[in-house]
Amino acid sequence: MNDTQFPKTEKPNPFETVPIEVTVSVGRARPLIRDLLNMGENTVLTLDKRIEDPVDLYVGDQLVARGVLEEMEGDQAGQLAVRLTEIADLQNGIG
């Protein structure tokens, strides 16, 4: 028999249906310990990024993409989302 007559049917990869957690980092803060100890309700913690800056997407500690925050519309109005603007080359990193 010739393999070209009967194409192999690829088995689905079982890992394709496993959910994975993606962490979206919008920024970092570096308060002094004394300021951290004095924090209470309504304390504002200033981050190192501006609202228009891209956010970083991580799987574990691996940076996998960057994007911009958006608000969903329609039935999901008010829900946050990320529009990807840059995908990492996992061999060489982003950028």
PDB file of N, CA and C in Angstrom:
ATOM      1  N   MET A   1       0.830  -1.192   0.000  1.00  0.00           N
ATOM      2  CA  MET A   1       0.000   0.000   0.000  1.00  0.00           C
ATOM      3  C   MET A   1       0.865   1.241   0.000  1.00  0.00           C
ATOM      4  N   ASN A   2       0.370   2.227  -0.626  1.00  0.00           N
ATOM      5  CA  ASN A   2       1.078   3.498  -0.718  1.00  0.00           C
ATOM      6  C   ASN A   2       0.444   4.484   0.263  1.00  0.00           C
ATOM      7  N   ASP A   3       1.281   5.165   1.077  1.00  0.00           N
ATOM      8  CA  ASP A   3       0.753   6.118   2.069  1.00  0.00           C
ATOM      9  C   ASP A   3       0.023   7.288   1.425  1.00  0.00           C
ATOM     10  N   THR A   4       0.337   7.604   0.185  1.00  0.00           N
ATOM     11  CA  THR A   4      -0.315   8.747  -0.459  1.00  0.00           C
ATOM     12  C   THR A   4      -1.772   8.440  -0.787  1.00  0.00           C
ATOM     13  N   GLN A   5      -2.139   7.145  -0.886  1.00  0.00           N
ATOM     14  CA  GLN A   5      -3.518   6.786  -1.172  1.00  0.00           C
ATOM     15  C   GLN A   5      -4.416   6.964   0.048  1.00  0.00           C
ATOM     16  N   PHE A   6      -3.859   6.770   1.234  1.00  0.00           N
ATOM     17  CA  PHE A   6      -4.632   6.859   2.459  1.00  0.00           C
ATOM     18  C   PHE A   6      -3.986   7.882   3.390  1.00  0.00           C
ATOM     19  N   PRO A   7      -4.410   9.126   3.305  1.00  0.00           N
ATOM     20  CA  PRO A   7      -3.784  10.147   4.160  1.00  0.00           C
ATOM     21  C   PRO A   7      -4.003   9.825   5.632  1.00  0.00           C
ATOM     22  N   LYS A   8      -2.978  10.073   6.412  1.00  0.00           N
ATOM     23  CA  LYS A   8      -3.068   9.819   7.852  1.00  0.00           C
ATOM     24  C   LYS A   8      -3.995  10.850   8.483  1.00  0.00           C
ATOM     25  N   THR A   9      -4.860  10.371   9.327  1.00  0.00           N
ATOM     26  CA  THR A   9      -5.707  11.292  10.073  1.00  0.00           C
ATOM     27  C   THR A   9      -4.963  11.634  11.360  1.00  0.00           C
ATOM     28  N   GLU A  10      -4.743  12.903  11.559  1.00  0.00           N
ATOM     29  CA  GLU A  10      -4.019  13.323  12.758  1.00  0.00           C
ATOM     30  C   GLU A  10      -4.929  13.238  13.966  1.00  0.00           C
ATOM     31  N   LYS A  11      -4.384  12.667  15.024  1.00  0.00           N
ATOM     32  CA  LYS A  11      -5.135  12.595  16.267  1.00  0.00           C
ATOM     33  C   LYS A  11      -5.116  13.968  16.913  1.00  0.00           C
ATOM     34  N   PRO A  12      -6.230  14.365  17.521  1.00  0.00           N
ATOM     35  CA  PRO A  12      -6.228  15.665  18.194  1.00  0.00           C
ATOM     36  C   PRO A  12      -5.229  15.653  19.352  1.00  0.00           C
ATOM     37  N   ASN A  13      -4.551  16.759  19.534  1.00  0.00           N
ATOM     38  CA  ASN A  13      -3.599  16.900  20.626  1.00  0.00           C
ATOM     39  C   ASN A  13      -4.384  17.089  21.921  1.00  0.00           C
ATOM     40  N   PRO A  14      -4.227  16.203  22.907  1.00  0.00           N
ATOM     41  CA  PRO A  14      -5.018  16.317  24.140  1.00  0.00           C
ATOM     42  C   PRO A  14      -4.699  17.580  24.936  1.00  0.00           C
ATOM     43  N   PHE A  15      -3.536  18.175  24.706  1.00  0.00           N
ATOM     44  CA  PHE A  15      -3.161  19.386  25.437  1.00  0.00           C
ATOM     45  C   PHE A  15      -3.905  20.627  24.939  1.00  0.00           C
ATOM     46  N   GLU A  16      -4.482  20.563  23.748  1.00  0.00           N
ATOM     47  CA  GLU A  16      -5.181  21.717  23.188  1.00  0.00           C
ATOM     48  C   GLU A  16      -6.408  22.116  23.994  1.00  0.00           C
ATOM     49  N   THR A  17      -6.962  21.206  24.778  1.00  0.00           N
ATOM     50  CA  THR A  17      -8.184  21.517  25.531  1.00  0.00           C
ATOM     51  C   THR A  17      -7.920  21.761  27.012  1.00  0.00           C
ATOM     52  N   VAL A  18      -6.645  21.803  27.406  1.00  0.00           N
ATOM     53  CA  VAL A  18      -6.295  22.054  28.801  1.00  0.00           C
ATOM     54  C   VAL A  18      -6.254  23.570  29.026  1.00  0.00           C
ATOM     55  N   PRO A  19      -7.039  24.096  29.966  1.00  0.00           N
ATOM     56  CA  PRO A  19      -7.005  25.538  30.216  1.00  0.00           C
ATOM     57  C   PRO A  19      -5.674  25.943  30.843  1.00  0.00           C
ATOM     58  N   ILE A  20      -5.269  27.157  30.566  1.00  0.00           N
ATOM     59  CA  ILE A  20      -4.022  27.684  31.113  1.00  0.00           C
ATOM     60  C   ILE A  20      -4.285  29.085  31.646  1.00  0.00           C
ATOM     61  N   GLU A  21      -3.670  29.406  32.747  1.00  0.00           N
ATOM     62  CA  GLU A  21      -3.881  30.723  33.345  1.00  0.00           C
ATOM     63  C   GLU A  21      -2.891  31.727  32.777  1.00  0.00           C
ATOM     64  N   VAL A  22      -3.423  32.849  32.304  1.00  0.00           N
ATOM     65  CA  VAL A  22      -2.622  33.946  31.800  1.00  0.00           C
ATOM     66  C   VAL A  22      -2.759  35.102  32.787  1.00  0.00           C
ATOM     67  N   THR A  23      -1.632  35.632  33.230  1.00  0.00           N
ATOM     68  CA  THR A  23      -1.635  36.772  34.144  1.00  0.00           C
ATOM     69  C   THR A  23      -1.362  38.029  33.342  1.00  0.00           C
ATOM     70  N   VAL A  24      -2.176  39.062  33.568  1.00  0.00           N
ATOM     71  CA  VAL A  24      -1.994  40.333  32.894  1.00  0.00           C
ATOM     72  C   VAL A  24      -1.441  41.324  33.916  1.00  0.00           C
ATOM     73  N   SER A  25      -0.266  41.856  33.625  1.00  0.00           N
ATOM     74  CA  SER A  25       0.378  42.806  34.525  1.00  0.00           C
ATOM     75  C   SER A  25       0.169  44.219  33.991  1.00  0.00           C
ATOM     76  N   VAL A  26      -0.504  45.027  34.790  1.00  0.00           N
ATOM     77  CA  VAL A  26      -0.768  46.408  34.373  1.00  0.00           C
ATOM     78  C   VAL A  26       0.259  47.382  34.932  1.00  0.00           C
ATOM     79  N   GLY A  27       1.091  46.936  35.847  1.00  0.00           N
ATOM     80  CA  GLY A  27       2.128  47.807  36.394  1.00  0.00           C
ATOM     81  C   GLY A  27       2.588  47.319  37.751  1.00  0.00           C
ATOM     82  N   ARG A  28       3.569  48.028  38.274  1.00  0.00           N
ATOM     83  CA  ARG A  28       4.120  47.683  39.580  1.00  0.00           C
ATOM     84  C   ARG A  28       4.175  48.930  40.444  1.00  0.00           C
ATOM     85  N   ALA A  29       4.129  48.690  41.742  1.00  0.00           N
ATOM     86  CA  ALA A  29       4.280  49.765  42.718  1.00  0.00           C
ATOM     87  C   ALA A  29       5.431  49.388  43.639  1.00  0.00           C
ATOM     88  N   ARG A  30       6.125  50.392  44.151  1.00  0.00           N
ATOM     89  CA  ARG A  30       7.242  50.145  45.051  1.00  0.00           C
ATOM     90  C   ARG A  30       7.134  51.063  46.273  1.00  0.00           C
ATOM     91  N   PRO A  31       6.119  50.797  47.102  1.00  0.00           N
ATOM     92  CA  PRO A  31       5.973  51.641  48.296  1.00  0.00           C
ATOM     93  C   PRO A  31       7.020  51.266  49.348  1.00  0.00           C
ATOM     94  N   LEU A  32       7.296  52.200  50.230  1.00  0.00           N
ATOM     95  CA  LEU A  32       8.131  51.895  51.387  1.00  0.00           C
ATOM     96  C   LEU A  32       7.338  50.989  52.318  1.00  0.00           C
ATOM     97  N   ILE A  33       8.035  50.185  53.099  1.00  0.00           N
ATOM     98  CA  ILE A  33       7.355  49.289  54.031  1.00  0.00           C
ATOM     99  C   ILE A  33       6.482  50.087  54.995  1.00  0.00           C
ATOM    100  N   ARG A  34       6.964  51.231  55.437  1.00  0.00           N
ATOM    101  CA  ARG A  34       6.157  52.027  56.381  1.00  0.00           C
ATOM    102  C   ARG A  34       4.855  52.472  55.727  1.00  0.00           C
ATOM    103  N   ASP A  35       4.914  52.826  54.426  1.00  0.00           N
ATOM    104  CA  ASP A  35       3.697  53.221  53.709  1.00  0.00           C
ATOM    105  C   ASP A  35       2.766  52.024  53.529  1.00  0.00           C
ATOM    106  N   LEU A  36       3.339  50.877  53.251  1.00  0.00           N
ATOM    107  CA  LEU A  36       2.550  49.663  53.090  1.00  0.00           C
ATOM    108  C   LEU A  36       1.830  49.311  54.390  1.00  0.00           C
ATOM    109  N   LEU A  37       2.516  49.455  55.513  1.00  0.00           N
ATOM    110  CA  LEU A  37       1.914  49.153  56.816  1.00  0.00           C
ATOM    111  C   LEU A  37       0.795  50.128  57.178  1.00  0.00           C
ATOM    112  N   ASN A  38       0.854  51.326  56.622  1.00  0.00           N
ATOM    113  CA  ASN A  38      -0.165  52.341  56.917  1.00  0.00           C
ATOM    114  C   ASN A  38      -1.326  52.341  55.928  1.00  0.00           C
ATOM    115  N   MET A  39      -1.305  51.429  54.969  1.00  0.00           N
ATOM    116  CA  MET A  39      -2.381  51.400  53.975  1.00  0.00           C
ATOM    117  C   MET A  39      -3.687  50.961  54.602  1.00  0.00           C
ATOM    118  N   GLY A  40      -4.730  51.525  54.108  1.00  0.00           N
ATOM    119  CA  GLY A  40      -6.068  51.157  54.546  1.00  0.00           C
ATOM    120  C   GLY A  40      -7.030  51.293  53.389  1.00  0.00           C
ATOM    121  N   GLU A  41      -8.289  51.119  53.678  1.00  0.00           N
ATOM    122  CA  GLU A  41      -9.318  51.253  52.659  1.00  0.00           C
ATOM    123  C   GLU A  41      -9.219  52.636  52.023  1.00  0.00           C
ATOM    124  N   ASN A  42      -9.368  52.705  50.721  1.00  0.00           N
ATOM    125  CA  ASN A  42      -9.317  53.920  49.908  1.00  0.00           C
ATOM    126  C   ASN A  42      -7.912  54.477  49.704  1.00  0.00           C
ATOM    127  N   THR A  43      -6.888  53.752  50.139  1.00  0.00           N
ATOM    128  CA  THR A  43      -5.521  54.168  49.844  1.00  0.00           C
ATOM    129  C   THR A  43      -5.284  54.025  48.346  1.00  0.00           C
ATOM    130  N   VAL A  44      -4.608  54.987  47.753  1.00  0.00           N
ATOM    131  CA  VAL A  44      -4.280  54.929  46.333  1.00  0.00           C
ATOM    132  C   VAL A  44      -2.817  54.534  46.197  1.00  0.00           C
ATOM    133  N   LEU A  45      -2.575  53.502  45.444  1.00  0.00           N
ATOM    134  CA  LEU A  45      -1.227  52.998  45.212  1.00  0.00           C
ATOM    135  C   LEU A  45      -0.858  53.326  43.767  1.00  0.00           C
ATOM    136  N   THR A  46       0.097  54.192  43.574  1.00  0.00           N
ATOM    137  CA  THR A  46       0.482  54.636  42.237  1.00  0.00           C
ATOM    138  C   THR A  46       1.362  53.583  41.562  1.00  0.00           C
ATOM    139  N   LEU A  47       0.995  53.241  40.336  1.00  0.00           N
ATOM    140  CA  LEU A  47       1.751  52.262  39.560  1.00  0.00           C
ATOM    141  C   LEU A  47       2.776  52.962  38.674  1.00  0.00           C
ATOM    142  N   ASP A  48       3.709  52.185  38.157  1.00  0.00           N
ATOM    143  CA  ASP A  48       4.779  52.736  37.325  1.00  0.00           C
ATOM    144  C   ASP A  48       4.396  52.875  35.855  1.00  0.00           C
ATOM    145  N   LYS A  49       3.124  52.671  35.516  1.00  0.00           N
ATOM    146  CA  LYS A  49       2.678  52.790  34.127  1.00  0.00           C
ATOM    147  C   LYS A  49       1.509  53.752  34.023  1.00  0.00           C
ATOM    148  N   ARG A  50       1.336  54.252  32.825  1.00  0.00           N
ATOM    149  CA  ARG A  50       0.208  55.133  32.534  1.00  0.00           C
ATOM    150  C   ARG A  50      -0.927  54.303  31.926  1.00  0.00           C
ATOM    151  N   ILE A  51      -2.109  54.858  31.916  1.00  0.00           N
ATOM    152  CA  ILE A  51      -3.299  54.148  31.437  1.00  0.00           C
ATOM    153  C   ILE A  51      -3.155  53.697  29.981  1.00  0.00           C
ATOM    154  N   GLU A  52      -2.437  54.454  29.171  1.00  0.00           N
ATOM    155  CA  GLU A  52      -2.294  54.122  27.749  1.00  0.00           C
ATOM    156  C   GLU A  52      -1.117  53.177  27.469  1.00  0.00           C
ATOM    157  N   ASP A  53      -0.312  52.857  28.477  1.00  0.00           N
ATOM    158  CA  ASP A  53       0.825  51.958  28.291  1.00  0.00           C
ATOM    159  C   ASP A  53       0.347  50.528  28.052  1.00  0.00           C
ATOM    160  N   PRO A  54       1.129  49.749  27.295  1.00  0.00           N
ATOM    161  CA  PRO A  54       0.751  48.348  27.082  1.00  0.00           C
ATOM    162  C   PRO A  54       0.843  47.543  28.368  1.00  0.00           C
ATOM    163  N   VAL A  55       0.072  46.471  28.417  1.00  0.00           N
ATOM    164  CA  VAL A  55       0.117  45.544  29.545  1.00  0.00           C
ATOM    165  C   VAL A  55       0.890  44.306  29.098  1.00  0.00           C
ATOM    166  N   ASP A  56       1.475  43.594  30.060  1.00  0.00           N
ATOM    167  CA  ASP A  56       2.249  42.393  29.769  1.00  0.00           C
ATOM    168  C   ASP A  56       1.435  41.160  30.127  1.00  0.00           C
ATOM    169  N   LEU A  57       1.482  40.143  29.283  1.00  0.00           N
ATOM    170  CA  LEU A  57       0.789  38.882  29.527  1.00  0.00           C
ATOM    171  C   LEU A  57       1.828  37.804  29.813  1.00  0.00           C
ATOM    172  N   TYR A  58       1.625  37.097  30.923  1.00  0.00           N
ATOM    173  CA  TYR A  58       2.554  36.059  31.352  1.00  0.00           C
ATOM    174  C   TYR A  58       1.833  34.725  31.485  1.00  0.00           C
ATOM    175  N   VAL A  59       2.539  33.667  31.162  1.00  0.00           N
ATOM    176  CA  VAL A  59       2.154  32.314  31.532  1.00  0.00           C
ATOM    177  C   VAL A  59       3.261  31.874  32.477  1.00  0.00           C
ATOM    178  N   GLY A  60       2.916  31.693  33.750  1.00  0.00           N
ATOM    179  CA  GLY A  60       3.943  31.483  34.772  1.00  0.00           C
ATOM    180  C   GLY A  60       4.786  32.737  34.852  1.00  0.00           C
ATOM    181  N   ASP A  61       6.085  32.600  34.731  1.00  0.00           N
ATOM    182  CA  ASP A  61       6.951  33.775  34.744  1.00  0.00           C
ATOM    183  C   ASP A  61       7.463  34.127  33.350  1.00  0.00           C
ATOM    184  N   GLN A  62       6.875  33.511  32.319  1.00  0.00           N
ATOM    185  CA  GLN A  62       7.292  33.728  30.934  1.00  0.00           C
ATOM    186  C   GLN A  62       6.413  34.787  30.267  1.00  0.00           C
ATOM    187  N   LEU A  63       7.032  35.883  29.824  1.00  0.00           N
ATOM    188  CA  LEU A  63       6.321  36.914  29.073  1.00  0.00           C
ATOM    189  C   LEU A  63       5.964  36.336  27.710  1.00  0.00           C
ATOM    190  N   VAL A  64       4.663  36.301  27.378  1.00  0.00           N
ATOM    191  CA  VAL A  64       4.224  35.683  26.125  1.00  0.00           C
ATOM    192  C   VAL A  64       3.629  36.677  25.134  1.00  0.00           C
ATOM    193  N   ALA A  65       3.187  37.846  25.625  1.00  0.00           N
ATOM    194  CA  ALA A  65       2.574  38.820  24.722  1.00  0.00           C
ATOM    195  C   ALA A  65       2.437  40.163  25.430  1.00  0.00           C
ATOM    196  N   ARG A  66       2.119  41.178  24.639  1.00  0.00           N
ATOM    197  CA  ARG A  66       1.759  42.499  25.161  1.00  0.00           C
ATOM    198  C   ARG A  66       0.463  42.915  24.477  1.00  0.00           C
ATOM    199  N   GLY A  67      -0.252  43.805  25.147  1.00  0.00           N
ATOM    200  CA  GLY A  67      -1.507  44.263  24.565  1.00  0.00           C
ATOM    201  C   GLY A  67      -1.998  45.516  25.244  1.00  0.00           C
ATOM    202  N   VAL A  68      -3.187  45.938  24.866  1.00  0.00           N
ATOM    203  CA  VAL A  68      -3.810  47.122  25.455  1.00  0.00           C
ATOM    204  C   VAL A  68      -5.135  46.712  26.086  1.00  0.00           C
ATOM    205  N   LEU A  69      -5.430  47.343  27.214  1.00  0.00           N
ATOM    206  CA  LEU A  69      -6.697  47.059  27.889  1.00  0.00           C
ATOM    207  C   LEU A  69      -7.843  47.679  27.113  1.00  0.00           C
ATOM    208  N   GLU A  70      -8.930  46.953  27.054  1.00  0.00           N
ATOM    209  CA  GLU A  70     -10.154  47.441  26.419  1.00  0.00           C
ATOM    210  C   GLU A  70     -11.341  47.048  27.278  1.00  0.00           C
ATOM    211  N   GLU A  71     -12.431  47.750  27.067  1.00  0.00           N
ATOM    212  CA  GLU A  71     -13.685  47.386  27.719  1.00  0.00           C
ATOM    213  C   GLU A  71     -14.575  46.732  26.681  1.00  0.00           C
ATOM    214  N   MET A  72     -15.125  45.574  27.030  1.00  0.00           N
ATOM    215  CA  MET A  72     -16.019  44.873  26.120  1.00  0.00           C
ATOM    216  C   MET A  72     -17.292  45.680  25.934  1.00  0.00           C
ATOM    217  N   GLU A  73     -17.984  45.392  24.842  1.00  0.00           N
ATOM    218  CA  GLU A  73     -19.238  46.079  24.537  1.00  0.00           C
ATOM    219  C   GLU A  73     -20.368  45.067  24.447  1.00  0.00           C
ATOM    220  N   GLY A  74     -21.554  45.561  24.247  1.00  0.00           N
ATOM    221  CA  GLY A  74     -22.718  44.690  24.070  1.00  0.00           C
ATOM    222  C   GLY A  74     -23.079  43.976  25.349  1.00  0.00           C
ATOM    223  N   ASP A  75     -23.337  42.663  25.240  1.00  0.00           N
ATOM    224  CA  ASP A  75     -23.745  41.861  26.392  1.00  0.00           C
ATOM    225  C   ASP A  75     -22.672  41.801  27.482  1.00  0.00           C
ATOM    226  N   GLN A  76     -21.422  42.045  27.108  1.00  0.00           N
ATOM    227  CA  GLN A  76     -20.321  41.973  28.065  1.00  0.00           C
ATOM    228  C   GLN A  76     -19.800  43.355  28.447  1.00  0.00           C
ATOM    229  N   ALA A  77     -20.616  44.369  28.281  1.00  0.00           N
ATOM    230  CA  ALA A  77     -20.198  45.740  28.597  1.00  0.00           C
ATOM    231  C   ALA A  77     -19.685  45.823  30.027  1.00  0.00           C
ATOM    232  N   GLY A  78     -18.583  46.516  30.200  1.00  0.00           N
ATOM    233  CA  GLY A  78     -17.986  46.670  31.516  1.00  0.00           C
ATOM    234  C   GLY A  78     -16.921  45.636  31.822  1.00  0.00           C
ATOM    235  N   GLN A  79     -16.879  44.546  31.046  1.00  0.00           N
ATOM    236  CA  GLN A  79     -15.888  43.486  31.233  1.00  0.00           C
ATOM    237  C   GLN A  79     -14.559  43.927  30.620  1.00  0.00           C
ATOM    238  N   LEU A  80     -13.466  43.760  31.360  1.00  0.00           N
ATOM    239  CA  LEU A  80     -12.143  44.091  30.834  1.00  0.00           C
ATOM    240  C   LEU A  80     -11.660  43.011  29.879  1.00  0.00           C
ATOM    241  N   ALA A  81     -10.887  43.431  28.888  1.00  0.00           N
ATOM    242  CA  ALA A  81     -10.285  42.510  27.928  1.00  0.00           C
ATOM    243  C   ALA A  81      -8.928  43.069  27.525  1.00  0.00           C
ATOM    244  N   VAL A  82      -8.131  42.251  26.881  1.00  0.00           N
ATOM    245  CA  VAL A  82      -6.834  42.678  26.377  1.00  0.00           C
ATOM    246  C   VAL A  82      -6.782  42.406  24.881  1.00  0.00           C
ATOM    247  N   ARG A  83      -6.476  43.436  24.102  1.00  0.00           N
ATOM    248  CA  ARG A  83      -6.254  43.267  22.661  1.00  0.00           C
ATOM    249  C   ARG A  83      -4.754  43.087  22.464  1.00  0.00           C
ATOM    250  N   LEU A  84      -4.345  41.931  21.952  1.00  0.00           N
ATOM    251  CA  LEU A  84      -2.932  41.635  21.788  1.00  0.00           C
ATOM    252  C   LEU A  84      -2.332  42.486  20.676  1.00  0.00           C
ATOM    253  N   THR A  85      -1.183  43.074  20.971  1.00  0.00           N
ATOM    254  CA  THR A  85      -0.492  43.921  19.998  1.00  0.00           C
ATOM    255  C   THR A  85       0.875  43.361  19.623  1.00  0.00           C
ATOM    256  N   GLU A  86       1.364  42.424  20.428  1.00  0.00           N
ATOM    257  CA  GLU A  86       2.691  41.873  20.194  1.00  0.00           C
ATOM    258  C   GLU A  86       2.744  40.469  20.798  1.00  0.00           C
ATOM    259  N   ILE A  87       3.163  39.506  20.019  1.00  0.00           N
ATOM    260  CA  ILE A  87       3.271  38.129  20.478  1.00  0.00           C
ATOM    261  C   ILE A  87       4.752  37.788  20.598  1.00  0.00           C
ATOM    262  N   ALA A  88       5.122  37.158  21.694  1.00  0.00           N
ATOM    263  CA  ALA A  88       6.532  36.819  21.922  1.00  0.00           C
ATOM    264  C   ALA A  88       6.987  35.697  21.008  1.00  0.00           C
ATOM    265  N   ASP A  89       8.223  35.817  20.577  1.00  0.00           N
ATOM    266  CA  ASP A  89       8.926  34.707  19.960  1.00  0.00           C
ATOM    267  C   ASP A  89       9.508  33.954  21.151  1.00  0.00           C
ATOM    268  N   LEU A  90       8.908  32.851  21.526  1.00  0.00           N
ATOM    269  CA  LEU A  90       9.277  32.164  22.756  1.00  0.00           C
ATOM    270  C   LEU A  90      10.726  31.687  22.765  1.00  0.00           C
ATOM    271  N   GLN A  91      11.344  31.650  21.611  1.00  0.00           N
ATOM    272  CA  GLN A  91      12.770  31.301  21.549  1.00  0.00           C
ATOM    273  C   GLN A  91      13.640  32.519  21.867  1.00  0.00           C
ATOM    274  N   ASN A  92      13.208  33.713  21.431  1.00  0.00           N
ATOM    275  CA  ASN A  92      14.059  34.906  21.534  1.00  0.00           C
ATOM    276  C   ASN A  92      13.466  36.027  22.364  1.00  0.00           C
ATOM    277  N   GLY A  93      12.233  35.867  22.869  1.00  0.00           N
ATOM    278  CA  GLY A  93      11.611  36.919  23.668  1.00  0.00           C
ATOM    279  C   GLY A  93      10.917  37.952  22.811  1.00  0.00           C
ATOM    280  N   ILE A  94      10.365  38.976  23.487  1.00  0.00           N
ATOM    281  CA  ILE A  94       9.651  40.050  22.787  1.00  0.00           C
ATOM    282  C   ILE A  94      10.634  41.141  22.424  1.00  0.00           C
ATOM    283  N   GLY A  95      10.402  41.698  21.259  1.00  0.00           N
ATOM    284  CA  GLY A  95      11.063  42.898  20.849  1.00  0.00           C
ATOM    285  C   GLY A  95      12.462  42.847  20.546  1.00  0.00           C
TER     286      GLY A  95
END
